[in-house]
Amino acid sequence: MKIILSRKGFDSSNGGVPSPIFRYEDGTFGLYSLPIPLSRSTCGYADIRWDGGNLHELICSLRRRKKTTLADPPHLDPDLVRNALDKRREGWRPVFGQSGPQETQLQNMGVNDPAGEPRNRPLFLFFGWYREAERLPLGYSCVRGRPNIHAIFGWLQVERKIILAGAQVRRDADRAQVRRDLPWIANHPHIACGYYDSVLNAVYLAPEPGSKTDRLILNGRDTGLPASGMFRHFVPSIHTLTADGLTRRNWRLPSWFYRNGKPALGMHTDLARWTAPATDAHYAHLRSVDIGQEFVFESSAHDEKQVFEWVECIVRAGQ
């Protein structure tokens, strides 16, 4: 089974501030991924609902020290939460689009249509740049002294993949056909925007929420968890990738990723990026790449029991 660590949300170049982690009154945490600004979009930040308000208000407060405003609307992708937008069409399901070199990379790594086989459905684990935020009289602000981290915020297990465009590749359908056959997806940027006709373009669809197939399947086992979503709860010890006291791209990962000096994580096979387990035999350290979106690995390249326990723990804790 292909598992993809997928970097999404605001970064230093797109948005300029970390997505927020919130501390609730009971001491637990939540988080929200802020979609990057991009001209190829079909809604505004004020259209995206969040905690009784909208993302425009949240982002303005988080960015109030910035001299520039966001000129472009949000690229809501992955689109994981039904009530993020009003008036969803019947049949809506979580969807993620990818294009260009990043989609080429996914295809080269074998992230393809699962063809209805639950055991082989690819799984995306989405992560991004986060920092704890607090509510102040003028809105939200990042908490001083809290570190910048990479953290996992959501997941999507693929029920169907549709290839829409690209040179010298099999195309399943064009955008017009998809809009006719799947009207609920018509406003997703990878379907609505003509820009993507000139590049390799694909969308990854999760099962419809609440349907019989809306189950996270690991090694053929129904976990009883949904197949996709954004975490309601953030558990620092489980969802944080960044090692304590280090910059955000220095990760602390289960030692099975290291594979005794033969790491098999996409874009991270250079052994110089890894530090072998030392004081804690259960974990290895990775200096992750500066640029890159999709980091793919095959579960069978590792101890699959450990892999699936790790994945299930991450998703279950987020519920």
C-alpha atoms as a PDB file:
ATOM      1  CA  MET A   1       0.000   0.000   0.000  1.00  0.00           C
ATOM      2  CA  LYS A   2       1.308   3.437  -0.971  1.00  0.00           C
ATOM      3  CA  ILE A   3       1.409   6.008   1.831  1.00  0.00           C
ATOM      4  CA  ILE A   4       2.163   9.633   0.982  1.00  0.00           C
ATOM      5  CA  LEU A   5       3.330  12.330   3.388  1.00  0.00           C
ATOM      6  CA  SER A   6       1.922  15.377   1.588  1.00  0.00           C
ATOM      7  CA  ARG A   7       2.945  18.945   2.474  1.00  0.00           C
ATOM      8  CA  LYS A   8       0.032  21.397   2.273  1.00  0.00           C
ATOM      9  CA  GLY A   9      -1.141  24.756   3.657  1.00  0.00           C
ATOM     10  CA  PHE A  10       0.562  28.104   4.329  1.00  0.00           C
ATOM     11  CA  ASP A  11       4.336  28.276   4.120  1.00  0.00           C
ATOM     12  CA  SER A  12       6.916  31.051   4.244  1.00  0.00           C
ATOM     13  CA  SER A  13       6.392  31.884   0.541  1.00  0.00           C
ATOM     14  CA  ASN A  14       2.642  31.293   0.316  1.00  0.00           C
ATOM     15  CA  GLY A  15       0.758  32.987   3.137  1.00  0.00           C
ATOM     16  CA  GLY A  16       3.819  33.887   5.162  1.00  0.00           C
ATOM     17  CA  VAL A  17       2.570  32.687   8.567  1.00  0.00           C
ATOM     18  CA  PRO A  18       2.065  29.243  10.091  1.00  0.00           C
ATOM     19  CA  SER A  19      -1.335  27.623  10.281  1.00  0.00           C
ATOM     20  CA  PRO A  20      -2.699  27.822  13.847  1.00  0.00           C
ATOM     21  CA  ILE A  21      -2.856  25.356  16.706  1.00  0.00           C
ATOM     22  CA  PHE A  22      -5.453  26.296  19.329  1.00  0.00           C
ATOM     23  CA  ARG A  23      -5.506  25.413  23.026  1.00  0.00           C
ATOM     24  CA  TYR A  24      -9.019  24.745  24.315  1.00  0.00           C
ATOM     25  CA  GLU A  25     -10.230  25.548  27.817  1.00  0.00           C
ATOM     26  CA  ASP A  26      -9.935  21.890  28.848  1.00  0.00           C
ATOM     27  CA  GLY A  27      -6.221  21.872  27.938  1.00  0.00           C
ATOM     28  CA  THR A  28      -6.589  19.921  24.692  1.00  0.00           C
ATOM     29  CA  PHE A  29      -5.608  21.257  21.274  1.00  0.00           C
ATOM     30  CA  GLY A  30      -7.121  21.698  17.830  1.00  0.00           C
ATOM     31  CA  LEU A  31      -5.682  22.930  14.548  1.00  0.00           C
ATOM     32  CA  TYR A  32      -6.711  24.227  11.136  1.00  0.00           C
ATOM     33  CA  SER A  33      -4.835  24.131   7.844  1.00  0.00           C
ATOM     34  CA  LEU A  34      -4.851  27.476   6.003  1.00  0.00           C
ATOM     35  CA  PRO A  35      -5.096  26.945   2.213  1.00  0.00           C
ATOM     36  CA  ILE A  36      -2.468  28.810   0.205  1.00  0.00           C
ATOM     37  CA  PRO A  37      -3.383  31.828  -1.939  1.00  0.00           C
ATOM     38  CA  LEU A  38      -3.415  31.037  -5.658  1.00  0.00           C
ATOM     39  CA  SER A  39      -5.053  32.766  -8.607  1.00  0.00           C
ATOM     40  CA  ARG A  40      -6.483  29.454  -9.840  1.00  0.00           C
ATOM     41  CA  SER A  41      -9.246  29.389  -7.232  1.00  0.00           C
ATOM     42  CA  THR A  42     -13.032  29.398  -7.182  1.00  0.00           C
ATOM     43  CA  CYS A  43     -13.901  30.854  -3.755  1.00  0.00           C
ATOM     44  CA  GLY A  44     -12.684  33.513  -1.338  1.00  0.00           C
ATOM     45  CA  TYR A  45     -11.250  33.219   2.163  1.00  0.00           C
ATOM     46  CA  ALA A  46     -14.452  34.833   3.457  1.00  0.00           C
ATOM     47  CA  ASP A  47     -16.403  31.929   1.917  1.00  0.00           C
ATOM     48  CA  ILE A  48     -14.595  29.277   3.976  1.00  0.00           C
ATOM     49  CA  ARG A  49     -16.329  28.701   7.301  1.00  0.00           C
ATOM     50  CA  TRP A  50     -14.325  28.175  10.461  1.00  0.00           C
ATOM     51  CA  ASP A  51     -15.448  28.075  14.110  1.00  0.00           C
ATOM     52  CA  GLY A  52     -18.518  30.239  13.592  1.00  0.00           C
ATOM     53  CA  GLY A  53     -16.586  32.755  11.496  1.00  0.00           C
ATOM     54  CA  ASN A  54     -14.566  32.608   8.320  1.00  0.00           C
ATOM     55  CA  LEU A  55     -10.933  32.243   7.311  1.00  0.00           C
ATOM     56  CA  HIS A  56     -10.643  35.847   6.111  1.00  0.00           C
ATOM     57  CA  GLU A  57     -11.067  37.086   9.681  1.00  0.00           C
ATOM     58  CA  LEU A  58      -8.666  34.508  11.101  1.00  0.00           C
ATOM     59  CA  ILE A  59      -5.959  35.138   8.499  1.00  0.00           C
ATOM     60  CA  CYS A  60      -6.186  38.928   8.790  1.00  0.00           C
ATOM     61  CA  SER A  61      -5.524  38.688  12.515  1.00  0.00           C
ATOM     62  CA  LEU A  62      -2.654  36.213  12.118  1.00  0.00           C
ATOM     63  CA  ARG A  63      -1.088  38.375   9.379  1.00  0.00           C
ATOM     64  CA  ARG A  64      -1.745  41.786  10.916  1.00  0.00           C
ATOM     65  CA  ARG A  65       1.982  42.500  11.249  1.00  0.00           C
ATOM     66  CA  LYS A  66       2.520  41.835   7.524  1.00  0.00           C
ATOM     67  CA  LYS A  67       2.857  44.879   5.262  1.00  0.00           C
ATOM     68  CA  THR A  68       1.102  43.196   2.356  1.00  0.00           C
ATOM     69  CA  THR A  69      -2.289  41.560   2.030  1.00  0.00           C
ATOM     70  CA  LEU A  70      -3.036  38.332   0.218  1.00  0.00           C
ATOM     71  CA  ALA A  71      -3.755  39.281  -3.373  1.00  0.00           C
ATOM     72  CA  ASP A  72      -5.061  35.881  -4.432  1.00  0.00           C
ATOM     73  CA  PRO A  73      -7.997  33.772  -3.229  1.00  0.00           C
ATOM     74  CA  PRO A  74      -7.557  30.415  -1.443  1.00  0.00           C
ATOM     75  CA  HIS A  75      -6.617  27.199  -3.192  1.00  0.00           C
ATOM     76  CA  LEU A  76      -8.897  24.919  -1.168  1.00  0.00           C
ATOM     77  CA  ASP A  77      -7.024  21.705  -1.860  1.00  0.00           C
ATOM     78  CA  PRO A  78      -7.128  19.216  -0.262  1.00  0.00           C
ATOM     79  CA  ASP A  79     -10.821  19.826   0.357  1.00  0.00           C
ATOM     80  CA  LEU A  80     -11.541  17.637   3.382  1.00  0.00           C
ATOM     81  CA  VAL A  81     -14.388  19.217   5.360  1.00  0.00           C
ATOM     82  CA  ARG A  82     -17.973  19.220   4.059  1.00  0.00           C
ATOM     83  CA  ASN A  83     -19.123  22.288   6.000  1.00  0.00           C
ATOM     84  CA  ALA A  84     -16.090  24.380   5.040  1.00  0.00           C
ATOM     85  CA  LEU A  85     -18.290  25.811   2.266  1.00  0.00           C
ATOM     86  CA  ASP A  86     -22.028  26.439   2.202  1.00  0.00           C
ATOM     87  CA  LYS A  87     -24.376  24.718  -0.225  1.00  0.00           C
ATOM     88  CA  ARG A  88     -22.314  21.671  -1.070  1.00  0.00           C
ATOM     89  CA  ARG A  89     -23.872  19.715  -3.915  1.00  0.00           C
ATOM     90  CA  GLU A  90     -25.341  16.304  -3.292  1.00  0.00           C
ATOM     91  CA  GLY A  91     -22.714  13.583  -3.546  1.00  0.00           C
ATOM     92  CA  TRP A  92     -19.825  15.769  -2.308  1.00  0.00           C
ATOM     93  CA  ARG A  93     -16.805  13.882  -1.115  1.00  0.00           C
ATOM     94  CA  PRO A  94     -13.303  14.860   0.014  1.00  0.00           C
ATOM     95  CA  VAL A  95     -10.949  15.398  -2.919  1.00  0.00           C
ATOM     96  CA  PHE A  96      -7.312  16.250  -3.526  1.00  0.00           C
ATOM     97  CA  GLY A  97      -5.851  17.474  -6.818  1.00  0.00           C
ATOM     98  CA  GLN A  98      -2.273  17.339  -8.005  1.00  0.00           C
ATOM     99  CA  SER A  99      -0.598  18.455 -11.224  1.00  0.00           C
ATOM    100  CA  GLY A 100       2.652  19.013 -13.069  1.00  0.00           C
ATOM    101  CA  PRO A 101       5.929  17.574 -11.742  1.00  0.00           C
ATOM    102  CA  GLN A 102       4.336  16.611  -8.429  1.00  0.00           C
ATOM    103  CA  GLU A 103       1.728  14.458 -10.177  1.00  0.00           C
ATOM    104  CA  THR A 104       4.474  12.994 -12.377  1.00  0.00           C
ATOM    105  CA  GLN A 105       6.299  12.046  -9.196  1.00  0.00           C
ATOM    106  CA  LEU A 106       3.188  10.372  -7.780  1.00  0.00           C
ATOM    107  CA  GLN A 107       2.675   8.395 -10.977  1.00  0.00           C
ATOM    108  CA  ASN A 108       6.338   7.355 -11.090  1.00  0.00           C
ATOM    109  CA  MET A 109       6.049   6.160  -7.495  1.00  0.00           C
ATOM    110  CA  GLY A 110       3.033   4.023  -8.387  1.00  0.00           C
ATOM    111  CA  VAL A 111       0.294   6.096  -6.744  1.00  0.00           C
ATOM    112  CA  ASN A 112      -2.415   5.035  -9.163  1.00  0.00           C
ATOM    113  CA  ASP A 113      -6.123   4.226  -9.259  1.00  0.00           C
ATOM    114  CA  PRO A 114      -6.795   1.471  -6.678  1.00  0.00           C
ATOM    115  CA  ALA A 115      -9.347  -0.064  -9.102  1.00  0.00           C
ATOM    116  CA  GLY A 116     -11.826  -0.788  -6.334  1.00  0.00           C
ATOM    117  CA  GLU A 117      -9.446  -2.871  -4.218  1.00  0.00           C
ATOM    118  CA  PRO A 118      -9.663  -1.547  -0.618  1.00  0.00           C
ATOM    119  CA  ARG A 119      -6.459  -3.337   0.398  1.00  0.00           C
ATOM    120  CA  ASN A 120      -4.425  -1.320  -2.115  1.00  0.00           C
ATOM    121  CA  ARG A 121      -5.974   2.109  -1.716  1.00  0.00           C
ATOM    122  CA  PRO A 122      -3.268   4.815  -1.485  1.00  0.00           C
ATOM    123  CA  LEU A 123      -3.344   6.915   1.669  1.00  0.00           C
ATOM    124  CA  PHE A 124      -2.359  10.591   1.926  1.00  0.00           C
ATOM    125  CA  LEU A 125      -1.260  11.937   5.317  1.00  0.00           C
ATOM    126  CA  PHE A 126      -1.299  15.731   5.009  1.00  0.00           C
ATOM    127  CA  PHE A 127       1.128  17.834   7.042  1.00  0.00           C
ATOM    128  CA  GLY A 128       2.033  21.507   7.203  1.00  0.00           C
ATOM    129  CA  TRP A 129       3.655  24.383   9.076  1.00  0.00           C
ATOM    130  CA  TYR A 130       2.071  25.106  12.476  1.00  0.00           C
ATOM    131  CA  ARG A 131       2.470  27.220  15.573  1.00  0.00           C
ATOM    132  CA  GLU A 132       0.284  27.685  18.622  1.00  0.00           C
ATOM    133  CA  ALA A 133      -2.045  30.707  18.407  1.00  0.00           C
ATOM    134  CA  GLU A 134      -4.041  32.493  21.094  1.00  0.00           C
ATOM    135  CA  ARG A 135      -7.115  34.708  21.023  1.00  0.00           C
ATOM    136  CA  LEU A 136      -6.433  38.366  21.881  1.00  0.00           C
ATOM    137  CA  PRO A 137      -8.765  41.403  21.913  1.00  0.00           C
ATOM    138  CA  LEU A 138      -7.794  42.167  18.289  1.00  0.00           C
ATOM    139  CA  GLY A 139      -8.025  38.577  17.097  1.00  0.00           C
ATOM    140  CA  TYR A 140      -5.604  35.669  17.006  1.00  0.00           C
ATOM    141  CA  SER A 141      -1.832  35.873  17.302  1.00  0.00           C
ATOM    142  CA  CYS A 142       0.982  33.309  17.369  1.00  0.00           C
ATOM    143  CA  VAL A 143       2.145  32.610  20.906  1.00  0.00           C
ATOM    144  CA  ARG A 144       5.631  33.915  21.614  1.00  0.00           C
ATOM    145  CA  GLY A 145       8.078  31.257  22.669  1.00  0.00           C
ATOM    146  CA  ARG A 146       6.156  28.431  21.003  1.00  0.00           C
ATOM    147  CA  PRO A 147       8.152  26.623  18.316  1.00  0.00           C
ATOM    148  CA  ASN A 148       7.385  26.380  14.616  1.00  0.00           C
ATOM    149  CA  ILE A 149       6.663  22.753  13.756  1.00  0.00           C
ATOM    150  CA  HIS A 150       5.600  20.441  11.002  1.00  0.00           C
ATOM    151  CA  ALA A 151       2.496  18.531  12.052  1.00  0.00           C
ATOM    152  CA  ILE A 152       0.053  16.111  10.439  1.00  0.00           C
ATOM    153  CA  PHE A 153      -3.442  17.597  10.153  1.00  0.00           C
ATOM    154  CA  GLY A 154      -5.531  15.241   8.016  1.00  0.00           C
ATOM    155  CA  TRP A 155      -5.775  12.199   5.804  1.00  0.00           C
ATOM    156  CA  LEU A 156      -7.429  10.892   2.635  1.00  0.00           C
ATOM    157  CA  GLN A 157      -7.603   7.303   1.457  1.00  0.00           C
ATOM    158  CA  VAL A 158      -8.175   7.122  -2.284  1.00  0.00           C
ATOM    159  CA  GLU A 159     -11.203   5.290  -3.615  1.00  0.00           C
ATOM    160  CA  ARG A 160     -10.797   6.587  -7.173  1.00  0.00           C
ATOM    161  CA  LYS A 161      -8.228   8.522  -9.175  1.00  0.00           C
ATOM    162  CA  ILE A 162      -9.112  10.435 -12.342  1.00  0.00           C
ATOM    163  CA  ILE A 163      -6.394  11.625 -14.754  1.00  0.00           C
ATOM    164  CA  LEU A 164      -7.614  14.706 -16.617  1.00  0.00           C
ATOM    165  CA  ALA A 165      -4.755  16.011 -18.737  1.00  0.00           C
ATOM    166  CA  GLY A 166      -1.109  15.535 -19.584  1.00  0.00           C
ATOM    167  CA  ALA A 167       1.170  14.763 -22.470  1.00  0.00           C
ATOM    168  CA  GLN A 168       1.836  11.118 -23.308  1.00  0.00           C
ATOM    169  CA  VAL A 169      -0.335   9.694 -20.523  1.00  0.00           C
ATOM    170  CA  ARG A 170      -3.627   7.840 -20.514  1.00  0.00           C
ATOM    171  CA  ARG A 171      -6.415  10.286 -19.801  1.00  0.00           C
ATOM    172  CA  ASP A 172      -9.532   9.022 -18.022  1.00  0.00           C
ATOM    173  CA  ALA A 173     -11.709  12.057 -18.791  1.00  0.00           C
ATOM    174  CA  ASP A 174     -11.574  15.778 -19.547  1.00  0.00           C
ATOM    175  CA  ARG A 175     -12.779  18.491 -17.205  1.00  0.00           C
ATOM    176  CA  ALA A 176     -16.061  19.018 -19.043  1.00  0.00           C
ATOM    177  CA  GLN A 177     -16.916  15.332 -18.834  1.00  0.00           C
ATOM    178  CA  VAL A 178     -16.124  15.220 -15.115  1.00  0.00           C
ATOM    179  CA  ARG A 179     -18.321  18.272 -14.482  1.00  0.00           C
ATOM    180  CA  ARG A 180     -21.172  16.493 -16.233  1.00  0.00           C
ATOM    181  CA  ASP A 181     -20.673  13.137 -14.523  1.00  0.00           C
ATOM    182  CA  LEU A 182     -19.699  14.469 -11.072  1.00  0.00           C
ATOM    183  CA  PRO A 183     -21.351  17.902 -10.684  1.00  0.00           C
ATOM    184  CA  TRP A 184     -20.409  18.088  -6.989  1.00  0.00           C
ATOM    185  CA  ILE A 185     -16.749  18.500  -7.988  1.00  0.00           C
ATOM    186  CA  ALA A 186     -17.318  21.229 -10.588  1.00  0.00           C
ATOM    187  CA  ASN A 187     -15.923  24.040  -8.409  1.00  0.00           C
ATOM    188  CA  HIS A 188     -12.754  22.251  -7.313  1.00  0.00           C
ATOM    189  CA  PRO A 189      -9.840  24.261  -8.788  1.00  0.00           C
ATOM    190  CA  HIS A 190      -8.334  21.270 -10.625  1.00  0.00           C
ATOM    191  CA  ILE A 191     -11.694  20.808 -12.386  1.00  0.00           C
ATOM    192  CA  ALA A 192     -12.845  24.407 -12.765  1.00  0.00           C
ATOM    193  CA  CYS A 193      -9.634  26.069 -14.017  1.00  0.00           C
ATOM    194  CA  GLY A 194      -8.454  25.852 -17.628  1.00  0.00           C
ATOM    195  CA  TYR A 195      -4.845  26.317 -16.508  1.00  0.00           C
ATOM    196  CA  TYR A 196      -4.622  22.620 -15.726  1.00  0.00           C
ATOM    197  CA  ASP A 197      -5.429  21.586 -19.318  1.00  0.00           C
ATOM    198  CA  SER A 198      -1.828  22.377 -20.247  1.00  0.00           C
ATOM    199  CA  VAL A 199      -0.192  20.238 -17.559  1.00  0.00           C
ATOM    200  CA  LEU A 200      -0.492  16.752 -16.180  1.00  0.00           C
ATOM    201  CA  ASN A 201      -3.531  16.919 -13.916  1.00  0.00           C
ATOM    202  CA  ALA A 202      -5.331  14.418 -11.682  1.00  0.00           C
ATOM    203  CA  VAL A 203      -7.791  14.316  -8.800  1.00  0.00           C
ATOM    204  CA  TYR A 204      -7.924  11.766  -5.979  1.00  0.00           C
ATOM    205  CA  LEU A 205     -11.387  11.043  -4.562  1.00  0.00           C
ATOM    206  CA  ALA A 206     -12.203   9.638  -1.123  1.00  0.00           C
ATOM    207  CA  PRO A 207     -15.380   7.660  -0.452  1.00  0.00           C
ATOM    208  CA  GLU A 208     -18.513   9.716   0.179  1.00  0.00           C
ATOM    209  CA  PRO A 209     -18.673  10.558   3.916  1.00  0.00           C
ATOM    210  CA  GLY A 210     -21.118   8.357   5.786  1.00  0.00           C
ATOM    211  CA  SER A 211     -21.355   5.801   2.972  1.00  0.00           C
ATOM    212  CA  LYS A 212     -20.733   2.080   3.416  1.00  0.00           C
ATOM    213  CA  THR A 213     -17.287   2.436   1.857  1.00  0.00           C
ATOM    214  CA  ASP A 214     -16.270   5.391   4.050  1.00  0.00           C
ATOM    215  CA  ARG A 215     -13.809   3.314   6.043  1.00  0.00           C
ATOM    216  CA  LEU A 216     -10.060   3.557   6.542  1.00  0.00           C
ATOM    217  CA  ILE A 217      -8.821   0.177   5.336  1.00  0.00           C
ATOM    218  CA  LEU A 218      -5.335  -0.923   6.432  1.00  0.00           C
ATOM    219  CA  ASN A 219      -3.977  -4.203   5.098  1.00  0.00           C
ATOM    220  CA  GLY A 220      -7.513  -5.316   4.291  1.00  0.00           C
ATOM    221  CA  ARG A 221      -8.767  -4.558   7.819  1.00  0.00           C
ATOM    222  CA  ASP A 222     -11.628  -2.165   8.445  1.00  0.00           C
ATOM    223  CA  THR A 223     -10.402   0.129  11.234  1.00  0.00           C
ATOM    224  CA  GLY A 224     -13.871   1.576  11.831  1.00  0.00           C
ATOM    225  CA  LEU A 225     -12.428   5.047  11.140  1.00  0.00           C
ATOM    226  CA  PRO A 226     -13.527   7.359   8.300  1.00  0.00           C
ATOM    227  CA  ALA A 227     -11.535   7.237   5.082  1.00  0.00           C
ATOM    228  CA  SER A 228     -10.716  10.959   5.146  1.00  0.00           C
ATOM    229  CA  GLY A 229     -10.959  14.171   7.110  1.00  0.00           C
ATOM    230  CA  MET A 230      -9.179  16.952   8.996  1.00  0.00           C
ATOM    231  CA  PHE A 231      -8.326  16.236  12.630  1.00  0.00           C
ATOM    232  CA  ARG A 232     -10.677  17.610  15.273  1.00  0.00           C
ATOM    233  CA  HIS A 233      -7.973  17.160  17.914  1.00  0.00           C
ATOM    234  CA  PHE A 234      -4.238  17.739  17.802  1.00  0.00           C
ATOM    235  CA  VAL A 235      -2.160  15.517  20.085  1.00  0.00           C
ATOM    236  CA  PRO A 236       1.403  16.927  20.122  1.00  0.00           C
ATOM    237  CA  SER A 237       3.121  13.637  20.981  1.00  0.00           C
ATOM    238  CA  ILE A 238       1.405  11.858  18.067  1.00  0.00           C
ATOM    239  CA  HIS A 239       0.821  14.427  15.308  1.00  0.00           C
ATOM    240  CA  THR A 240       4.077  16.424  15.532  1.00  0.00           C
ATOM    241  CA  LEU A 241       6.777  15.524  13.025  1.00  0.00           C
ATOM    242  CA  THR A 242       9.393  18.032  14.236  1.00  0.00           C
ATOM    243  CA  ALA A 243      11.848  16.889  16.902  1.00  0.00           C
ATOM    244  CA  ASP A 244      11.789  18.819  20.191  1.00  0.00           C
ATOM    245  CA  GLY A 245      14.053  21.862  20.228  1.00  0.00           C
ATOM    246  CA  LEU A 246      14.959  21.717  16.537  1.00  0.00           C
ATOM    247  CA  THR A 247      13.848  23.620  13.451  1.00  0.00           C
ATOM    248  CA  ARG A 248      10.669  22.385  11.834  1.00  0.00           C
ATOM    249  CA  ARG A 249      12.238  20.375   9.022  1.00  0.00           C
ATOM    250  CA  ASN A 250      14.174  18.221  11.501  1.00  0.00           C
ATOM    251  CA  TRP A 251      11.828  15.310  12.073  1.00  0.00           C
ATOM    252  CA  ARG A 252      11.586  12.575  14.672  1.00  0.00           C
ATOM    253  CA  LEU A 253      10.175   9.460  12.982  1.00  0.00           C
ATOM    254  CA  PRO A 254       9.634   5.839  14.019  1.00  0.00           C
ATOM    255  CA  SER A 255      12.879   3.908  13.650  1.00  0.00           C
ATOM    256  CA  TRP A 256      11.395   1.596  11.018  1.00  0.00           C
ATOM    257  CA  PHE A 257      11.654   4.501   8.534  1.00  0.00           C
ATOM    258  CA  TYR A 258      15.453   4.261   8.864  1.00  0.00           C
ATOM    259  CA  ARG A 259      15.480   0.555   7.869  1.00  0.00           C
ATOM    260  CA  ASN A 260      18.930  -0.071   9.348  1.00  0.00           C
ATOM    261  CA  GLY A 261      20.554   2.486   7.085  1.00  0.00           C
ATOM    262  CA  LYS A 262      18.436   1.867   3.991  1.00  0.00           C
ATOM    263  CA  PRO A 263      15.639   4.476   4.162  1.00  0.00           C
ATOM    264  CA  ALA A 264      12.907   4.139   1.535  1.00  0.00           C
ATOM    265  CA  LEU A 265      10.940   7.388   1.975  1.00  0.00           C
ATOM    266  CA  GLY A 266      10.494   9.272  -1.296  1.00  0.00           C
ATOM    267  CA  MET A 267      12.916  12.219  -1.766  1.00  0.00           C
ATOM    268  CA  HIS A 268      14.700  11.125   1.434  1.00  0.00           C
ATOM    269  CA  THR A 269      16.770   8.103   0.464  1.00  0.00           C
ATOM    270  CA  ASP A 270      20.060   9.993   1.007  1.00  0.00           C
ATOM    271  CA  LEU A 271      21.482   8.414   4.142  1.00  0.00           C
ATOM    272  CA  ALA A 272      23.233  11.699   5.018  1.00  0.00           C
ATOM    273  CA  ARG A 273      19.824  13.149   5.877  1.00  0.00           C
ATOM    274  CA  TRP A 274      19.239  10.542   8.570  1.00  0.00           C
ATOM    275  CA  THR A 275      20.579  10.041  12.065  1.00  0.00           C
ATOM    276  CA  ALA A 276      20.385   6.476  13.328  1.00  0.00           C
ATOM    277  CA  PRO A 277      18.452   5.722  16.509  1.00  0.00           C
ATOM    278  CA  ALA A 278      20.731   6.479  19.440  1.00  0.00           C
ATOM    279  CA  THR A 279      19.443   7.121  22.946  1.00  0.00           C
ATOM    280  CA  ASP A 280      15.922   6.059  21.946  1.00  0.00           C
ATOM    281  CA  ALA A 281      15.911   2.965  19.744  1.00  0.00           C
ATOM    282  CA  HIS A 282      12.306   3.587  18.736  1.00  0.00           C
ATOM    283  CA  TYR A 283      13.008   6.777  16.768  1.00  0.00           C
ATOM    284  CA  ALA A 284      15.307   8.084  14.031  1.00  0.00           C
ATOM    285  CA  HIS A 285      15.926  11.700  13.023  1.00  0.00           C
ATOM    286  CA  LEU A 286      15.496  13.035   9.477  1.00  0.00           C
ATOM    287  CA  ARG A 287      16.522  16.402   8.020  1.00  0.00           C
ATOM    288  CA  SER A 288      13.649  16.736   5.537  1.00  0.00           C
ATOM    289  CA  VAL A 289      14.048  18.462   2.174  1.00  0.00           C
ATOM    290  CA  ASP A 290      13.390  22.200   1.872  1.00  0.00           C
ATOM    291  CA  ILE A 291      11.327  21.879  -1.302  1.00  0.00           C
ATOM    292  CA  GLY A 292       8.932  19.053  -2.065  1.00  0.00           C
ATOM    293  CA  GLN A 293       5.297  18.181  -1.640  1.00  0.00           C
ATOM    294  CA  GLU A 294       4.769  14.439  -1.911  1.00  0.00           C
ATOM    295  CA  PHE A 295       6.943  11.925  -0.030  1.00  0.00           C
ATOM    296  CA  VAL A 296       5.873   8.388  -0.911  1.00  0.00           C
ATOM    297  CA  PHE A 297       6.699   5.067   0.672  1.00  0.00           C
ATOM    298  CA  GLU A 298       5.442   1.528   0.241  1.00  0.00           C
ATOM    299  CA  SER A 299       4.159  -0.141   3.402  1.00  0.00           C
ATOM    300  CA  SER A 300       5.658  -3.482   2.349  1.00  0.00           C
ATOM    301  CA  ALA A 301       9.142  -1.896   2.364  1.00  0.00           C
ATOM    302  CA  HIS A 302       8.869  -1.793   6.156  1.00  0.00           C
ATOM    303  CA  ASP A 303       7.424  -3.846   8.992  1.00  0.00           C
ATOM    304  CA  GLU A 304       3.783  -3.500   7.914  1.00  0.00           C
ATOM    305  CA  LYS A 305       2.393  -4.223  11.346  1.00  0.00           C
ATOM    306  CA  GLN A 306       4.317  -1.255  12.721  1.00  0.00           C
ATOM    307  CA  VAL A 307       3.404   0.945   9.748  1.00  0.00           C
ATOM    308  CA  PHE A 308      -0.324   0.344  10.054  1.00  0.00           C
ATOM    309  CA  GLU A 309      -0.270   0.730  13.834  1.00  0.00           C
ATOM    310  CA  TRP A 310       1.451   4.112  13.341  1.00  0.00           C
ATOM    311  CA  VAL A 311      -1.103   5.266  10.749  1.00  0.00           C
ATOM    312  CA  GLU A 312      -4.101   4.110  12.779  1.00  0.00           C
ATOM    313  CA  CYS A 313      -2.766   5.782  15.930  1.00  0.00           C
ATOM    314  CA  ILE A 314      -2.370   9.102  14.068  1.00  0.00           C
ATOM    315  CA  VAL A 315      -5.900   9.049  12.642  1.00  0.00           C
ATOM    316  CA  ARG A 316      -7.609   7.712  15.739  1.00  0.00           C
ATOM    317  CA  ALA A 317      -5.983  10.320  17.982  1.00  0.00           C
ATOM    318  CA  GLY A 318      -7.265  13.038  15.661  1.00  0.00           C
ATOM    319  CA  GLN A 319     -10.856  11.987  16.249  1.00  0.00           C
END
